Amino acid sequence: MTPGLATAQEESVVAVPSGMPVTFYDALWDDSAAVERFRFLAPEIGGFAPRGFDEVSADMQHLCDSFALSRLGEVEVIPSLIVISLMAEPVAYGESRPEIRQYFEAYSPRNGACVWEAF
């Protein structure tokens, strides 16, 4: 965890282009790779009629641009990569839970914007 970033879930819903409810869950720092991970709860990507990745990919870009980048001023080291993840239910970091849908995207912070990176 990067010093200065939230360590507990913030209860406010984060607005995204799709309009689905998304809540910030946590932020995790990976020293070995200079990666900051921002994890969000998005219940509508699970359940009986889950939203597909194509439906929420713009939300992930938006979360990086509007949420993650604004919090980088709170960190001691600027990451080389930002990973945005959406999870239908809380999942402990690193735990394999194939029954719970999760989506991941990686971005490089460049010139005040998030640039999508294939990973």
PDB file of N, CA and C in Angstrom:
ATOM      1  N   MET A   1       0.850  -1.180   0.000  1.00  0.00           N
ATOM      2  CA  MET A   1       0.000   0.000   0.000  1.00  0.00           C
ATOM      3  C   MET A   1       0.883   1.226   0.000  1.00  0.00           C
ATOM      4  N   THR A   2       0.573   2.153  -0.838  1.00  0.00           N
ATOM      5  CA  THR A   2       1.310   3.397  -0.872  1.00  0.00           C
ATOM      6  C   THR A   2       0.897   4.259   0.309  1.00  0.00           C
ATOM      7  N   PRO A   3       1.861   4.771   1.074  1.00  0.00           N
ATOM      8  CA  PRO A   3       1.498   5.658   2.172  1.00  0.00           C
ATOM      9  C   PRO A   3       0.669   6.834   1.659  1.00  0.00           C
ATOM     10  N   GLY A   4      -0.396   7.146   2.352  1.00  0.00           N
ATOM     11  CA  GLY A   4      -1.218   8.295   1.987  1.00  0.00           C
ATOM     12  C   GLY A   4      -2.494   7.925   1.268  1.00  0.00           C
ATOM     13  N   LEU A   5      -2.541   6.754   0.631  1.00  0.00           N
ATOM     14  CA  LEU A   5      -3.764   6.362  -0.054  1.00  0.00           C
ATOM     15  C   LEU A   5      -4.695   5.651   0.917  1.00  0.00           C
ATOM     16  N   ALA A   6      -5.971   5.654   0.596  1.00  0.00           N
ATOM     17  CA  ALA A   6      -6.972   5.045   1.467  1.00  0.00           C
ATOM     18  C   ALA A   6      -6.684   3.568   1.677  1.00  0.00           C
ATOM     19  N   THR A   7      -6.865   3.123   2.895  1.00  0.00           N
ATOM     20  CA  THR A   7      -6.682   1.713   3.198  1.00  0.00           C
ATOM     21  C   THR A   7      -8.000   1.030   3.516  1.00  0.00           C
ATOM     22  N   ALA A   8      -9.043   1.785   3.675  1.00  0.00           N
ATOM     23  CA  ALA A   8     -10.359   1.213   3.956  1.00  0.00           C
ATOM     24  C   ALA A   8     -11.335   1.682   2.893  1.00  0.00           C
ATOM     25  N   GLN A   9     -12.368   0.911   2.713  1.00  0.00           N
ATOM     26  CA  GLN A   9     -13.356   1.224   1.696  1.00  0.00           C
ATOM     27  C   GLN A   9     -14.030   2.559   1.978  1.00  0.00           C
ATOM     28  N   GLU A  10     -14.106   3.390   0.947  1.00  0.00           N
ATOM     29  CA  GLU A  10     -14.886   4.620   1.028  1.00  0.00           C
ATOM     30  C   GLU A  10     -16.297   4.250   0.595  1.00  0.00           C
ATOM     31  N   GLU A  11     -17.282   4.706   1.305  1.00  0.00           N
ATOM     32  CA  GLU A  11     -18.648   4.273   1.061  1.00  0.00           C
ATOM     33  C   GLU A  11     -19.347   5.007  -0.075  1.00  0.00           C
ATOM     34  N   SER A  12     -18.731   6.016  -0.647  1.00  0.00           N
ATOM     35  CA  SER A  12     -19.411   6.769  -1.688  1.00  0.00           C
ATOM     36  C   SER A  12     -19.301   6.073  -3.038  1.00  0.00           C
ATOM     37  N   VAL A  13     -20.364   6.183  -3.795  1.00  0.00           N
ATOM     38  CA  VAL A  13     -20.399   5.635  -5.145  1.00  0.00           C
ATOM     39  C   VAL A  13     -19.616   6.565  -6.058  1.00  0.00           C
ATOM     40  N   VAL A  14     -18.812   5.984  -6.930  1.00  0.00           N
ATOM     41  CA  VAL A  14     -18.029   6.747  -7.898  1.00  0.00           C
ATOM     42  C   VAL A  14     -18.806   6.751  -9.213  1.00  0.00           C
ATOM     43  N   ALA A  15     -19.079   7.922  -9.761  1.00  0.00           N
ATOM     44  CA  ALA A  15     -19.837   8.024 -11.010  1.00  0.00           C
ATOM     45  C   ALA A  15     -18.999   7.515 -12.181  1.00  0.00           C
ATOM     46  N   VAL A  16     -19.629   6.701 -13.037  1.00  0.00           N
ATOM     47  CA  VAL A  16     -18.977   6.181 -14.238  1.00  0.00           C
ATOM     48  C   VAL A  16     -19.917   6.357 -15.427  1.00  0.00           C
ATOM     49  N   PRO A  17     -19.378   6.363 -16.660  1.00  0.00           N
ATOM     50  CA  PRO A  17     -20.206   6.615 -17.842  1.00  0.00           C
ATOM     51  C   PRO A  17     -21.397   5.666 -18.013  1.00  0.00           C
ATOM     52  N   SER A  18     -21.252   4.398 -17.643  1.00  0.00           N
ATOM     53  CA  SER A  18     -22.354   3.446 -17.826  1.00  0.00           C
ATOM     54  C   SER A  18     -23.510   3.699 -16.869  1.00  0.00           C
ATOM     55  N   GLY A  19     -23.245   4.413 -15.773  1.00  0.00           N
ATOM     56  CA  GLY A  19     -24.268   4.667 -14.774  1.00  0.00           C
ATOM     57  C   GLY A  19     -24.415   3.576 -13.732  1.00  0.00           C
ATOM     58  N   MET A  20     -23.656   2.486 -13.866  1.00  0.00           N
ATOM     59  CA  MET A  20     -23.775   1.423 -12.862  1.00  0.00           C
ATOM     60  C   MET A  20     -23.126   1.872 -11.554  1.00  0.00           C
ATOM     61  N   PRO A  21     -23.584   1.328 -10.428  1.00  0.00           N
ATOM     62  CA  PRO A  21     -22.970   1.697  -9.152  1.00  0.00           C
ATOM     63  C   PRO A  21     -21.574   1.078  -9.020  1.00  0.00           C
ATOM     64  N   VAL A  22     -20.598   1.911  -8.721  1.00  0.00           N
ATOM     65  CA  VAL A  22     -19.212   1.486  -8.526  1.00  0.00           C
ATOM     66  C   VAL A  22     -18.721   2.149  -7.249  1.00  0.00           C
ATOM     67  N   THR A  23     -18.103   1.376  -6.371  1.00  0.00           N
ATOM     68  CA  THR A  23     -17.602   1.880  -5.099  1.00  0.00           C
ATOM     69  C   THR A  23     -16.122   1.575  -4.979  1.00  0.00           C
ATOM     70  N   PHE A  24     -15.336   2.580  -4.591  1.00  0.00           N
ATOM     71  CA  PHE A  24     -13.910   2.352  -4.349  1.00  0.00           C
ATOM     72  C   PHE A  24     -13.760   1.344  -3.221  1.00  0.00           C
ATOM     73  N   TYR A  25     -12.888   0.345  -3.427  1.00  0.00           N
ATOM     74  CA  TYR A  25     -12.659  -0.691  -2.415  1.00  0.00           C
ATOM     75  C   TYR A  25     -11.311  -0.515  -1.721  1.00  0.00           C
ATOM     76  N   ASP A  26     -10.228  -0.476  -2.505  1.00  0.00           N
ATOM     77  CA  ASP A  26      -8.915  -0.234  -1.919  1.00  0.00           C
ATOM     78  C   ASP A  26      -7.892   0.093  -2.999  1.00  0.00           C
ATOM     79  N   ALA A  27      -6.716   0.510  -2.536  1.00  0.00           N
ATOM     80  CA  ALA A  27      -5.584   0.780  -3.423  1.00  0.00           C
ATOM     81  C   ALA A  27      -4.392   0.024  -2.857  1.00  0.00           C
ATOM     82  N   LEU A  28      -3.665  -0.649  -3.735  1.00  0.00           N
ATOM     83  CA  LEU A  28      -2.538  -1.477  -3.318  1.00  0.00           C
ATOM     84  C   LEU A  28      -1.305  -1.111  -4.129  1.00  0.00           C
ATOM     85  N   TRP A  29      -0.185  -0.997  -3.455  1.00  0.00           N
ATOM     86  CA  TRP A  29       1.087  -0.650  -4.092  1.00  0.00           C
ATOM     87  C   TRP A  29       1.953  -1.896  -4.210  1.00  0.00           C
ATOM     88  N   ASP A  30       2.529  -2.120  -5.386  1.00  0.00           N
ATOM     89  CA  ASP A  30       3.460  -3.228  -5.616  1.00  0.00           C
ATOM     90  C   ASP A  30       4.848  -2.639  -5.810  1.00  0.00           C
ATOM     91  N   ASP A  31       5.672  -2.700  -4.763  1.00  0.00           N
ATOM     92  CA  ASP A  31       7.030  -2.149  -4.812  1.00  0.00           C
ATOM     93  C   ASP A  31       7.883  -2.768  -5.902  1.00  0.00           C
ATOM     94  N   SER A  32       7.737  -4.069  -6.109  1.00  0.00           N
ATOM     95  CA  SER A  32       8.621  -4.765  -7.039  1.00  0.00           C
ATOM     96  C   SER A  32       8.431  -4.323  -8.484  1.00  0.00           C
ATOM     97  N   ALA A  33       7.256  -3.809  -8.810  1.00  0.00           N
ATOM     98  CA  ALA A  33       6.986  -3.424 -10.195  1.00  0.00           C
ATOM     99  C   ALA A  33       6.548  -1.973 -10.344  1.00  0.00           C
ATOM    100  N   ALA A  34       6.532  -1.199  -9.275  1.00  0.00           N
ATOM    101  CA  ALA A  34       6.057   0.191  -9.297  1.00  0.00           C
ATOM    102  C   ALA A  34       4.660   0.290  -9.909  1.00  0.00           C
ATOM    103  N   VAL A  35       3.759  -0.553  -9.397  1.00  0.00           N
ATOM    104  CA  VAL A  35       2.379  -0.612  -9.880  1.00  0.00           C
ATOM    105  C   VAL A  35       1.442  -0.223  -8.744  1.00  0.00           C
ATOM    106  N   GLU A  36       0.499   0.665  -9.047  1.00  0.00           N
ATOM    107  CA  GLU A  36      -0.563   1.031  -8.102  1.00  0.00           C
ATOM    108  C   GLU A  36      -1.853   0.404  -8.611  1.00  0.00           C
ATOM    109  N   ARG A  37      -2.513  -0.364  -7.771  1.00  0.00           N
ATOM    110  CA  ARG A  37      -3.766  -1.034  -8.130  1.00  0.00           C
ATOM    111  C   ARG A  37      -4.918  -0.342  -7.410  1.00  0.00           C
ATOM    112  N   PHE A  38      -5.924   0.036  -8.176  1.00  0.00           N
ATOM    113  CA  PHE A  38      -7.143   0.617  -7.618  1.00  0.00           C
ATOM    114  C   PHE A  38      -8.255  -0.393  -7.862  1.00  0.00           C
ATOM    115  N   ARG A  39      -8.858  -0.872  -6.778  1.00  0.00           N
ATOM    116  CA  ARG A  39      -9.881  -1.904  -6.885  1.00  0.00           C
ATOM    117  C   ARG A  39     -11.240  -1.319  -6.503  1.00  0.00           C
ATOM    118  N   PHE A  40     -12.239  -1.681  -7.295  1.00  0.00           N
ATOM    119  CA  PHE A  40     -13.588  -1.150  -7.129  1.00  0.00           C
ATOM    120  C   PHE A  40     -14.597  -2.288  -7.096  1.00  0.00           C
ATOM    121  N   LEU A  41     -15.630  -2.124  -6.276  1.00  0.00           N
ATOM    122  CA  LEU A  41     -16.769  -3.038  -6.286  1.00  0.00           C
ATOM    123  C   LEU A  41     -17.754  -2.564  -7.343  1.00  0.00           C
ATOM    124  N   ALA A  42     -18.177  -3.494  -8.184  1.00  0.00           N
ATOM    125  CA  ALA A  42     -19.146  -3.204  -9.239  1.00  0.00           C
ATOM    126  C   ALA A  42     -20.092  -4.401  -9.328  1.00  0.00           C
ATOM    127  N   PRO A  43     -21.085  -4.487  -8.441  1.00  0.00           N
ATOM    128  CA  PRO A  43     -21.951  -5.667  -8.373  1.00  0.00           C
ATOM    129  C   PRO A  43     -22.635  -6.027  -9.690  1.00  0.00           C
ATOM    130  N   GLU A  44     -22.870  -5.048 -10.556  1.00  0.00           N
ATOM    131  CA  GLU A  44     -23.585  -5.327 -11.801  1.00  0.00           C
ATOM    132  C   GLU A  44     -22.753  -6.084 -12.832  1.00  0.00           C
ATOM    133  N   ILE A  45     -21.466  -6.331 -12.571  1.00  0.00           N
ATOM    134  CA  ILE A  45     -20.707  -7.177 -13.499  1.00  0.00           C
ATOM    135  C   ILE A  45     -20.886  -8.656 -13.146  1.00  0.00           C
ATOM    136  N   GLY A  46     -21.586  -8.937 -12.045  1.00  0.00           N
ATOM    137  CA  GLY A  46     -21.879 -10.313 -11.643  1.00  0.00           C
ATOM    138  C   GLY A  46     -23.367 -10.572 -11.706  1.00  0.00           C
ATOM    139  N   GLY A  47     -23.799 -11.642 -11.102  1.00  0.00           N
ATOM    140  CA  GLY A  47     -25.222 -11.958 -11.023  1.00  0.00           C
ATOM    141  C   GLY A  47     -25.751 -12.660 -12.261  1.00  0.00           C
ATOM    142  N   PHE A  48     -27.073 -12.629 -12.421  1.00  0.00           N
ATOM    143  CA  PHE A  48     -27.735 -13.365 -13.494  1.00  0.00           C
ATOM    144  C   PHE A  48     -27.663 -12.669 -14.845  1.00  0.00           C
ATOM    145  N   ALA A  49     -27.525 -11.370 -14.862  1.00  0.00           N
ATOM    146  CA  ALA A  49     -27.425 -10.615 -16.120  1.00  0.00           C
ATOM    147  C   ALA A  49     -26.228  -9.673 -16.027  1.00  0.00           C
ATOM    148  N   PRO A  50     -25.012 -10.238 -16.002  1.00  0.00           N
ATOM    149  CA  PRO A  50     -23.828  -9.401 -15.783  1.00  0.00           C
ATOM    150  C   PRO A  50     -23.533  -8.468 -16.951  1.00  0.00           C
ATOM    151  N   ARG A  51     -23.019  -7.300 -16.614  1.00  0.00           N
ATOM    152  CA  ARG A  51     -22.543  -6.386 -17.655  1.00  0.00           C
ATOM    153  C   ARG A  51     -21.237  -6.950 -18.197  1.00  0.00           C
ATOM    154  N   GLY A  52     -21.138  -6.984 -19.519  1.00  0.00           N
ATOM    155  CA  GLY A  52     -19.940  -7.505 -20.162  1.00  0.00           C
ATOM    156  C   GLY A  52     -18.802  -6.504 -20.139  1.00  0.00           C
ATOM    157  N   PHE A  53     -17.608  -7.010 -20.447  1.00  0.00           N
ATOM    158  CA  PHE A  53     -16.425  -6.158 -20.435  1.00  0.00           C
ATOM    159  C   PHE A  53     -16.577  -4.977 -21.391  1.00  0.00           C
ATOM    160  N   ASP A  54     -17.125  -5.226 -22.592  1.00  0.00           N
ATOM    161  CA  ASP A  54     -17.296  -4.140 -23.566  1.00  0.00           C
ATOM    162  C   ASP A  54     -18.177  -3.028 -23.020  1.00  0.00           C
ATOM    163  N   GLU A  55     -19.128  -3.384 -22.174  1.00  0.00           N
ATOM    164  CA  GLU A  55     -20.030  -2.398 -21.576  1.00  0.00           C
ATOM    165  C   GLU A  55     -19.346  -1.518 -20.537  1.00  0.00           C
ATOM    166  N   VAL A  56     -18.294  -2.042 -19.896  1.00  0.00           N
ATOM    167  CA  VAL A  56     -17.691  -1.318 -18.777  1.00  0.00           C
ATOM    168  C   VAL A  56     -16.263  -0.846 -19.040  1.00  0.00           C
ATOM    169  N   SER A  57     -15.716  -1.122 -20.209  1.00  0.00           N
ATOM    170  CA  SER A  57     -14.325  -0.716 -20.471  1.00  0.00           C
ATOM    171  C   SER A  57     -14.169   0.806 -20.419  1.00  0.00           C
ATOM    172  N   ALA A  58     -15.165   1.550 -20.885  1.00  0.00           N
ATOM    173  CA  ALA A  58     -15.090   3.021 -20.796  1.00  0.00           C
ATOM    174  C   ALA A  58     -15.136   3.469 -19.335  1.00  0.00           C
ATOM    175  N   ASP A  59     -15.842   2.719 -18.494  1.00  0.00           N
ATOM    176  CA  ASP A  59     -15.870   3.025 -17.058  1.00  0.00           C
ATOM    177  C   ASP A  59     -14.474   2.891 -16.458  1.00  0.00           C
ATOM    178  N   MET A  60     -13.750   1.875 -16.879  1.00  0.00           N
ATOM    179  CA  MET A  60     -12.415   1.639 -16.337  1.00  0.00           C
ATOM    180  C   MET A  60     -11.455   2.754 -16.751  1.00  0.00           C
ATOM    181  N   GLN A  61     -11.553   3.191 -18.001  1.00  0.00           N
ATOM    182  CA  GLN A  61     -10.736   4.321 -18.452  1.00  0.00           C
ATOM    183  C   GLN A  61     -11.085   5.559 -17.631  1.00  0.00           C
ATOM    184  N   HIS A  62     -12.368   5.782 -17.427  1.00  0.00           N
ATOM    185  CA  HIS A  62     -12.832   6.930 -16.642  1.00  0.00           C
ATOM    186  C   HIS A  62     -12.323   6.858 -15.198  1.00  0.00           C
ATOM    187  N   LEU A  63     -12.360   5.677 -14.594  1.00  0.00           N
ATOM    188  CA  LEU A  63     -11.868   5.523 -13.220  1.00  0.00           C
ATOM    189  C   LEU A  63     -10.381   5.833 -13.129  1.00  0.00           C
ATOM    190  N   CYS A  64      -9.632   5.461 -14.144  1.00  0.00           N
ATOM    191  CA  CYS A  64      -8.206   5.784 -14.139  1.00  0.00           C
ATOM    192  C   CYS A  64      -8.011   7.290 -14.292  1.00  0.00           C
ATOM    193  N   ASP A  65      -8.659   7.868 -15.304  1.00  0.00           N
ATOM    194  CA  ASP A  65      -8.485   9.299 -15.588  1.00  0.00           C
ATOM    195  C   ASP A  65      -8.984  10.195 -14.458  1.00  0.00           C
ATOM    196  N   SER A  66     -10.164   9.893 -13.915  1.00  0.00           N
ATOM    197  CA  SER A  66     -10.776  10.823 -12.963  1.00  0.00           C
ATOM    198  C   SER A  66     -10.548  10.454 -11.498  1.00  0.00           C
ATOM    199  N   PHE A  67     -10.366   9.190 -11.206  1.00  0.00           N
ATOM    200  CA  PHE A  67     -10.212   8.776  -9.811  1.00  0.00           C
ATOM    201  C   PHE A  67      -8.747   8.515  -9.465  1.00  0.00           C
ATOM    202  N   ALA A  68      -8.126   7.599 -10.178  1.00  0.00           N
ATOM    203  CA  ALA A  68      -6.753   7.192  -9.839  1.00  0.00           C
ATOM    204  C   ALA A  68      -5.753   8.333 -10.006  1.00  0.00           C
ATOM    205  N   LEU A  69      -5.787   9.005 -11.144  1.00  0.00           N
ATOM    206  CA  LEU A  69      -4.808  10.076 -11.380  1.00  0.00           C
ATOM    207  C   LEU A  69      -4.910  11.172 -10.333  1.00  0.00           C
ATOM    208  N   SER A  70      -6.113  11.481  -9.896  1.00  0.00           N
ATOM    209  CA  SER A  70      -6.274  12.555  -8.910  1.00  0.00           C
ATOM    210  C   SER A  70      -5.676  12.176  -7.556  1.00  0.00           C
ATOM    211  N   ARG A  71      -5.487  10.891  -7.318  1.00  0.00           N
ATOM    212  CA  ARG A  71      -4.919  10.443  -6.054  1.00  0.00           C
ATOM    213  C   ARG A  71      -3.411  10.232  -6.103  1.00  0.00           C
ATOM    214  N   LEU A  72      -2.813  10.336  -7.267  1.00  0.00           N
ATOM    215  CA  LEU A  72      -1.365  10.144  -7.354  1.00  0.00           C
ATOM    216  C   LEU A  72      -0.593  11.253  -6.661  1.00  0.00           C
ATOM    217  N   GLY A  73      -1.211  12.406  -6.462  1.00  0.00           N
ATOM    218  CA  GLY A  73      -0.561  13.470  -5.713  1.00  0.00           C
ATOM    219  C   GLY A  73      -0.379  13.110  -4.249  1.00  0.00           C
ATOM    220  N   GLU A  74      -1.084  12.073  -3.782  1.00  0.00           N
ATOM    221  CA  GLU A  74      -1.010  11.633  -2.392  1.00  0.00           C
ATOM    222  C   GLU A  74       0.095  10.603  -2.163  1.00  0.00           C
ATOM    223  N   VAL A  75       0.778  10.169  -3.230  1.00  0.00           N
ATOM    224  CA  VAL A  75       1.760   9.091  -3.099  1.00  0.00           C
ATOM    225  C   VAL A  75       3.181   9.631  -3.140  1.00  0.00           C
ATOM    226  N   GLU A  76       4.090   8.861  -2.577  1.00  0.00           N
ATOM    227  CA  GLU A  76       5.496   9.255  -2.548  1.00  0.00           C
ATOM    228  C   GLU A  76       6.200   8.957  -3.863  1.00  0.00           C
ATOM    229  N   VAL A  77       5.801   7.876  -4.532  1.00  0.00           N
ATOM    230  CA  VAL A  77       6.417   7.455  -5.787  1.00  0.00           C
ATOM    231  C   VAL A  77       5.322   7.343  -6.840  1.00  0.00           C
ATOM    232  N   ILE A  78       5.528   7.961  -7.999  1.00  0.00           N
ATOM    233  CA  ILE A  78       4.556   7.850  -9.090  1.00  0.00           C
ATOM    234  C   ILE A  78       4.729   6.474  -9.730  1.00  0.00           C
ATOM    235  N   PRO A  79       3.653   5.713  -9.873  1.00  0.00           N
ATOM    236  CA  PRO A  79       3.779   4.371 -10.443  1.00  0.00           C
ATOM    237  C   PRO A  79       4.071   4.412 -11.940  1.00  0.00           C
ATOM    238  N   SER A  80       4.701   3.359 -12.426  1.00  0.00           N
ATOM    239  CA  SER A  80       4.903   3.233 -13.865  1.00  0.00           C
ATOM    240  C   SER A  80       3.651   2.668 -14.520  1.00  0.00           C
ATOM    241  N   LEU A  81       2.799   2.024 -13.721  1.00  0.00           N
ATOM    242  CA  LEU A  81       1.585   1.414 -14.232  1.00  0.00           C
ATOM    243  C   LEU A  81       0.480   1.537 -13.190  1.00  0.00           C
ATOM    244  N   ILE A  82      -0.731   1.805 -13.667  1.00  0.00           N
ATOM    245  CA  ILE A  82      -1.930   1.824 -12.830  1.00  0.00           C
ATOM    246  C   ILE A  82      -2.818   0.687 -13.312  1.00  0.00           C
ATOM    247  N   VAL A  83      -3.258  -0.159 -12.402  1.00  0.00           N
ATOM    248  CA  VAL A  83      -4.190  -1.223 -12.748  1.00  0.00           C
ATOM    249  C   VAL A  83      -5.530  -0.889 -12.107  1.00  0.00           C
ATOM    250  N   ILE A  84      -6.563  -0.879 -12.936  1.00  0.00           N
ATOM    251  CA  ILE A  84      -7.932  -0.667 -12.472  1.00  0.00           C
ATOM    252  C   ILE A  84      -8.617  -2.023 -12.507  1.00  0.00           C
ATOM    253  N   SER A  85      -9.225  -2.402 -11.398  1.00  0.00           N
ATOM    254  CA  SER A  85      -9.969  -3.658 -11.399  1.00  0.00           C
ATOM    255  C   SER A  85     -11.370  -3.433 -10.860  1.00  0.00           C
ATOM    256  N   LEU A  86     -12.306  -4.122 -11.494  1.00  0.00           N
ATOM    257  CA  LEU A  86     -13.695  -4.152 -11.053  1.00  0.00           C
ATOM    258  C   LEU A  86     -13.974  -5.566 -10.578  1.00  0.00           C
ATOM    259  N   MET A  87     -14.650  -5.694  -9.447  1.00  0.00           N
ATOM    260  CA  MET A  87     -15.021  -7.015  -8.943  1.00  0.00           C
ATOM    261  C   MET A  87     -16.487  -6.999  -8.537  1.00  0.00           C
ATOM    262  N   ALA A  88     -17.178  -8.081  -8.863  1.00  0.00           N
ATOM    263  CA  ALA A  88     -18.597  -8.178  -8.553  1.00  0.00           C
ATOM    264  C   ALA A  88     -18.838  -8.265  -7.051  1.00  0.00           C
ATOM    265  N   GLU A  89     -17.896  -8.884  -6.337  1.00  0.00           N
ATOM    266  CA  GLU A  89     -17.940  -9.015  -4.878  1.00  0.00           C
ATOM    267  C   GLU A  89     -16.525  -8.832  -4.358  1.00  0.00           C
ATOM    268  N   PRO A  90     -16.379  -8.508  -3.083  1.00  0.00           N
ATOM    269  CA  PRO A  90     -15.024  -8.368  -2.543  1.00  0.00           C
ATOM    270  C   PRO A  90     -14.223  -9.668  -2.676  1.00  0.00           C
ATOM    271  N   VAL A  91     -12.990  -9.518  -3.123  1.00  0.00           N
ATOM    272  CA  VAL A  91     -12.063 -10.638  -3.254  1.00  0.00           C
ATOM    273  C   VAL A  91     -10.744 -10.186  -2.639  1.00  0.00           C
ATOM    274  N   ALA A  92     -10.182 -10.996  -1.756  1.00  0.00           N
ATOM    275  CA  ALA A  92      -8.883 -10.661  -1.178  1.00  0.00           C
ATOM    276  C   ALA A  92      -7.849 -10.613  -2.296  1.00  0.00           C
ATOM    277  N   TYR A  93      -6.971  -9.621  -2.258  1.00  0.00           N
ATOM    278  CA  TYR A  93      -5.964  -9.480  -3.302  1.00  0.00           C
ATOM    279  C   TYR A  93      -5.122 -10.755  -3.386  1.00  0.00           C
ATOM    280  N   GLY A  94      -4.966 -11.255  -4.606  1.00  0.00           N
ATOM    281  CA  GLY A  94      -4.164 -12.445  -4.850  1.00  0.00           C
ATOM    282  C   GLY A  94      -4.919 -13.752  -4.705  1.00  0.00           C
ATOM    283  N   GLU A  95      -6.150 -13.693  -4.221  1.00  0.00           N
ATOM    284  CA  GLU A  95      -6.956 -14.899  -4.032  1.00  0.00           C
ATOM    285  C   GLU A  95      -7.644 -15.271  -5.335  1.00  0.00           C
ATOM    286  N   SER A  96      -7.633 -16.544  -5.669  1.00  0.00           N
ATOM    287  CA  SER A  96      -8.325 -17.037  -6.858  1.00  0.00           C
ATOM    288  C   SER A  96      -9.771 -17.343  -6.487  1.00  0.00           C
ATOM    289  N   ARG A  97     -10.700 -16.645  -7.128  1.00  0.00           N
ATOM    290  CA  ARG A  97     -12.136 -16.855  -6.900  1.00  0.00           C
ATOM    291  C   ARG A  97     -12.828 -16.873  -8.256  1.00  0.00           C
ATOM    292  N   PRO A  98     -12.698 -17.963  -9.033  1.00  0.00           N
ATOM    293  CA  PRO A  98     -13.245 -18.000 -10.389  1.00  0.00           C
ATOM    294  C   PRO A  98     -14.758 -17.800 -10.460  1.00  0.00           C
ATOM    295  N   GLU A  99     -15.459 -18.023  -9.353  1.00  0.00           N
ATOM    296  CA  GLU A  99     -16.912 -17.837  -9.361  1.00  0.00           C
ATOM    297  C   GLU A  99     -17.308 -16.363  -9.255  1.00  0.00           C
ATOM    298  N   ILE A 100     -16.354 -15.495  -8.970  1.00  0.00           N
ATOM    299  CA  ILE A 100     -16.626 -14.056  -8.874  1.00  0.00           C
ATOM    300  C   ILE A 100     -15.988 -13.357 -10.064  1.00  0.00           C
ATOM    301  N   ARG A 101     -16.821 -12.700 -10.849  1.00  0.00           N
ATOM    302  CA  ARG A 101     -16.332 -12.013 -12.050  1.00  0.00           C
ATOM    303  C   ARG A 101     -15.496 -10.802 -11.660  1.00  0.00           C
ATOM    304  N   GLN A 102     -14.356 -10.663 -12.347  1.00  0.00           N
ATOM    305  CA  GLN A 102     -13.473  -9.513 -12.169  1.00  0.00           C
ATOM    306  C   GLN A 102     -12.963  -9.079 -13.537  1.00  0.00           C
ATOM    307  N   TYR A 103     -12.795  -7.778 -13.706  1.00  0.00           N
ATOM    308  CA  TYR A 103     -12.202  -7.224 -14.926  1.00  0.00           C
ATOM    309  C   TYR A 103     -10.987  -6.398 -14.525  1.00  0.00           C
ATOM    310  N   PHE A 104      -9.959  -6.438 -15.364  1.00  0.00           N
ATOM    311  CA  PHE A 104      -8.715  -5.715 -15.103  1.00  0.00           C
ATOM    312  C   PHE A 104      -8.276  -4.967 -16.350  1.00  0.00           C
ATOM    313  N   GLU A 105      -7.738  -3.772 -16.169  1.00  0.00           N
ATOM    314  CA  GLU A 105      -7.095  -3.015 -17.248  1.00  0.00           C
ATOM    315  C   GLU A 105      -5.879  -2.317 -16.671  1.00  0.00           C
ATOM    316  N   ALA A 106      -4.864  -2.135 -17.505  1.00  0.00           N
ATOM    317  CA  ALA A 106      -3.629  -1.470 -17.085  1.00  0.00           C
ATOM    318  C   ALA A 106      -3.429  -0.205 -17.908  1.00  0.00           C
ATOM    319  N   TYR A 107      -2.902   0.820 -17.255  1.00  0.00           N
ATOM    320  CA  TYR A 107      -2.680   2.124 -17.882  1.00  0.00           C
ATOM    321  C   TYR A 107      -1.344   2.690 -17.415  1.00  0.00           C
ATOM    322  N   SER A 108      -0.719   3.451 -18.289  1.00  0.00           N
ATOM    323  CA  SER A 108       0.480   4.206 -17.907  1.00  0.00           C
ATOM    324  C   SER A 108       0.067   5.645 -17.669  1.00  0.00           C
ATOM    325  N   PRO A 109       0.466   6.227 -16.546  1.00  0.00           N
ATOM    326  CA  PRO A 109       0.169   7.651 -16.336  1.00  0.00           C
ATOM    327  C   PRO A 109       1.164   8.488 -17.139  1.00  0.00           C
ATOM    328  N   ARG A 110       0.639   9.235 -18.122  1.00  0.00           N
ATOM    329  CA  ARG A 110       1.498  10.060 -18.973  1.00  0.00           C
ATOM    330  C   ARG A 110       0.845  11.414 -19.215  1.00  0.00           C
ATOM    331  N   ASN A 111       1.576  12.461 -18.912  1.00  0.00           N
ATOM    332  CA  ASN A 111       1.120  13.826 -19.188  1.00  0.00           C
ATOM    333  C   ASN A 111      -0.294  14.084 -18.673  1.00  0.00           C
ATOM    334  N   GLY A 112      -0.588  13.616 -17.483  1.00  0.00           N
ATOM    335  CA  GLY A 112      -1.881  13.878 -16.873  1.00  0.00           C
ATOM    336  C   GLY A 112      -3.024  13.042 -17.396  1.00  0.00           C
ATOM    337  N   ALA A 113      -2.724  11.966 -18.122  1.00  0.00           N
ATOM    338  CA  ALA A 113      -3.771  11.093 -18.654  1.00  0.00           C
ATOM    339  C   ALA A 113      -3.369   9.636 -18.453  1.00  0.00           C
ATOM    340  N   CYS A 114      -4.345   8.762 -18.522  1.00  0.00           N
ATOM    341  CA  CYS A 114      -4.095   7.325 -18.454  1.00  0.00           C
ATOM    342  C   CYS A 114      -4.062   6.771 -19.873  1.00  0.00           C
ATOM    343  N   VAL A 115      -2.949   6.154 -20.226  1.00  0.00           N
ATOM    344  CA  VAL A 115      -2.782   5.557 -21.553  1.00  0.00           C
ATOM    345  C   VAL A 115      -2.913   4.044 -21.393  1.00  0.00           C
ATOM    346  N   TRP A 116      -3.868   3.454 -22.112  1.00  0.00           N
ATOM    347  CA  TRP A 116      -4.137   2.026 -22.006  1.00  0.00           C
ATOM    348  C   TRP A 116      -2.908   1.225 -22.411  1.00  0.00           C
ATOM    349  N   GLU A 117      -2.641   0.165 -21.663  1.00  0.00           N
ATOM    350  CA  GLU A 117      -1.521  -0.739 -21.939  1.00  0.00           C
ATOM    351  C   GLU A 117      -2.055  -2.166 -21.994  1.00  0.00           C
ATOM    352  N   ALA A 118      -1.663  -2.906 -23.013  1.00  0.00           N
ATOM    353  CA  ALA A 118      -2.020  -4.325 -23.071  1.00  0.00           C
ATOM    354  C   ALA A 118      -1.166  -5.070 -22.055  1.00  0.00           C
ATOM    355  N   PHE A 119      -1.786  -5.949 -21.302  1.00  0.00           N
ATOM    356  CA  PHE A 119      -0.992  -6.757 -20.366  1.00  0.00           C
ATOM    357  C   PHE A 119      -1.542  -8.152 -20.256  1.00  0.00           C
TER     358      PHE A 119
END
